[in-house]
Structures are given as structure tokens and as C-alpha cells.
Protein backbone atom coordinates (compact mmCIF):
# COMPACT_ATOMS: atom_id res chain seq x y z
CA MET A 1 143.86 154.77 116.87
CA THR A 2 141.55 152.57 117.74
CA GLU A 3 141.00 149.74 115.79
CA PHE A 4 137.19 149.64 113.70
CA ASN A 5 135.03 147.51 114.51
CA TRP A 6 134.46 144.95 111.88
CA ASP A 7 130.78 143.23 112.86
CA ASP A 8 128.68 141.59 109.99
CA SER A 9 126.92 144.23 108.95
CA ALA A 10 130.03 146.52 108.13
CA VAL A 11 131.79 144.08 106.67
CA LEU A 12 128.49 143.35 103.98
CA LEU A 13 128.45 147.10 103.63
CA LEU A 14 132.66 146.65 102.81
CA ILE A 15 131.30 143.97 100.43
CA GLU A 16 128.67 146.12 98.69
CA LYS A 17 130.85 149.05 98.23
CA TYR A 18 133.59 147.11 96.83
CA GLN A 19 131.44 145.00 94.45
CA GLU A 20 130.50 148.72 93.31
CA ASN A 21 134.12 149.91 93.08
CA GLU A 22 134.75 146.99 89.53
CA LEU A 23 137.87 148.66 88.76
CA LEU A 24 139.24 147.58 92.46
CA TRP A 25 138.66 143.85 91.52
CA ASN A 26 138.03 143.27 87.77
CA PRO A 27 141.49 143.14 85.79
CA ARG A 28 139.06 143.48 82.60
CA HIS A 29 137.84 146.83 83.87
CA MET A 30 139.36 149.70 81.75
CA ASP A 31 140.87 151.64 84.95
CA PHE A 32 142.21 148.49 86.77
CA LYS A 33 145.71 149.23 86.21
CA ASN A 34 145.05 153.30 86.74
CA ARG A 35 146.66 153.57 90.18
CA ASN A 36 145.73 156.94 90.85
CA LYS A 37 141.59 156.04 89.97
CA ARG A 38 141.91 152.75 92.62
CA ASN A 39 143.35 154.67 95.06
CA ASP A 40 140.48 157.41 94.87
CA ALA A 41 138.21 154.46 95.25
CA VAL A 42 139.80 152.88 97.93
CA ARG A 43 139.53 156.64 99.85
CA ASP A 44 135.99 156.84 98.90
CA ILE A 45 135.15 153.89 100.47
CA ALA A 46 137.43 154.61 103.34
CA SER A 47 135.34 157.58 104.06
CA VAL A 48 132.07 155.55 104.69
CA PHE A 49 133.67 153.75 107.67
CA ASN A 50 135.94 156.42 108.69
CA ILE A 51 139.12 154.79 108.96
CA ALA A 52 142.50 154.65 106.77
CA SER A 53 142.45 153.59 103.26
CA THR A 54 144.96 151.33 104.35
CA GLU A 55 142.96 149.41 106.59
CA ILE A 56 140.06 149.12 104.14
CA GLU A 57 142.74 147.48 101.22
CA ARG A 58 144.05 145.23 104.21
CA LYS A 59 140.05 144.32 105.16
CA LEU A 60 139.80 143.54 101.05
CA LYS A 61 142.71 141.76 100.76
CA ASN A 62 141.66 139.37 104.03
CA LEU A 63 137.90 139.16 102.72
CA SER A 64 139.67 137.93 99.13
CA SER A 65 141.94 135.47 100.75
CA HIS A 66 138.89 134.29 102.95
CA TYR A 67 136.21 133.74 100.11
CA PHE A 68 138.97 131.42 97.65
CA ARG A 69 140.25 129.92 100.49
CA GLU A 70 136.42 128.81 101.18
CA LYS A 71 136.00 128.62 97.85
CA ARG A 72 138.48 125.51 97.23
CA LYS A 73 137.47 123.72 99.72
CA PHE A 74 133.99 123.72 98.51
CA GLU A 75 135.43 122.61 95.30
CA GLU A 76 137.47 120.01 96.58
CA SER A 77 134.49 118.50 98.53
CA LYS A 78 132.63 118.34 95.28
CA ARG A 79 135.93 116.44 93.72
CA SER A 80 136.62 114.23 96.53
CA GLY A 81 134.19 111.27 95.01
CA SER A 82 131.86 112.07 98.16
CA GLY A 83 127.96 111.91 98.05
CA ARG A 84 125.92 114.67 97.04
CA ASP A 85 124.77 114.60 101.03
CA ASP A 86 128.36 114.80 102.14
CA VAL A 87 129.50 118.36 99.93
CA GLN A 88 130.83 120.74 102.35
CA LEU A 89 128.61 123.86 101.78
CA PRO A 90 130.67 127.16 102.80
CA LYS A 91 128.79 128.14 105.74
CA TRP A 92 130.58 131.86 106.01
CA PHE A 93 128.38 134.78 106.07
CA ALA A 94 130.11 136.65 103.46
CA TYR A 95 130.45 133.55 100.96
CA LYS A 96 127.62 134.79 99.11
CA ALA A 97 128.04 138.24 99.20
CA LEU A 98 131.50 137.79 97.56
CA SER A 99 130.49 135.44 95.16
CA PHE A 100 130.65 138.59 92.20
CA LEU A 101 134.42 137.58 92.85
CA ASN A 102 133.94 134.39 90.66
CA ASP A 103 135.09 135.06 87.63
CA LYS A 104 138.32 137.93 88.95
CA ASN A 105 140.24 135.49 87.92
CA ALA A 106 138.96 134.09 84.62
CA PRO A 107 141.10 134.31 81.59
CA VAL A 108 140.64 137.09 79.69
CA PRO A 109 139.57 135.80 76.30
CA THR A 110 141.91 136.87 73.43
CA LEU A 111 141.14 137.97 69.74
CA ASN A 112 143.04 135.97 67.47
CA SER A 113 145.24 138.34 65.53
CA HIS A 114 146.91 135.52 63.25
CA THR A 115 145.37 135.33 59.81
CA PRO A 116 145.64 132.39 57.88
CA SER A 117 148.38 132.84 54.85
CA VAL A 118 147.02 131.92 51.72
CA SER A 119 149.00 129.32 49.50
CA THR A 120 149.12 129.99 46.23
CA HIS A 121 147.28 126.71 45.45
CA GLN A 122 144.21 128.38 47.16
CA ILE A 123 144.21 131.03 44.59
CA LEU A 124 141.38 130.93 41.55
CA ILE A 125 142.68 133.19 38.85
CA ILE A 126 139.32 133.76 36.48
CA THR A 127 140.44 135.56 33.03
């Protein structure tokens, strides 16, 4: 089988399809842990490119890794104490297109299920 040619336009189309299928990248999505639905979404994307699902999964993993590597370099250049003109802006063509992944690893807010106990000194009895 010949390898798919991932030119810039194909990569940007893949990123667009990935973003549209939030269950593939957003851990807060209700179907994020549903393996069958995730597999179906990857198969749908693979059919657009007429390639195997495993190739799509591999490419998405590589793109995500590259994005977070570029983001880390950018964040480190901001913290390095360099002047604003020295901050290394990401030049990778797909960086901005993948910016929707910024919140992917953000902590999920939790509800406080702990209710404060009422002490006996706080109870006012009216008779």
C-alpha cells in the first residue's frame, strides 16, 4: 500500500475533521470514553482521505504531539526573561489550526459534594 501524501492542505483538512469530532479530543465530551463511537468517528475521517483508520490515528497523535511541543517551546520562551521581541512565536503552519486543543488537558472542574456539618452551637431553637 502506498503511503498517503500529507501535504499542508490535507493536514489542515484532517485538523478540521478532528475538531468537528469533539469526542476524539475533548475529555469532557460525553462520548469521549465510548470506544465504539470514537472508532466510528475515526473511520468516517479515514473515508474522507480513503486511507486506513490506523493511519488517521497515527497522524492525529503526531500532530497533537507536535502542537504541544511547539506550545511548550513558546511558553518557555515567554518565561525565559527575554524581552517581548525575543519571544519565539510558533512558525509551524498547523499551530493556529490546532489551538482548539489548548483546553484538552485543562483540569475538569469538580463539584463540591462535601456539605459542611452543622454544629450543635449553630442551631437556634425558637419556641
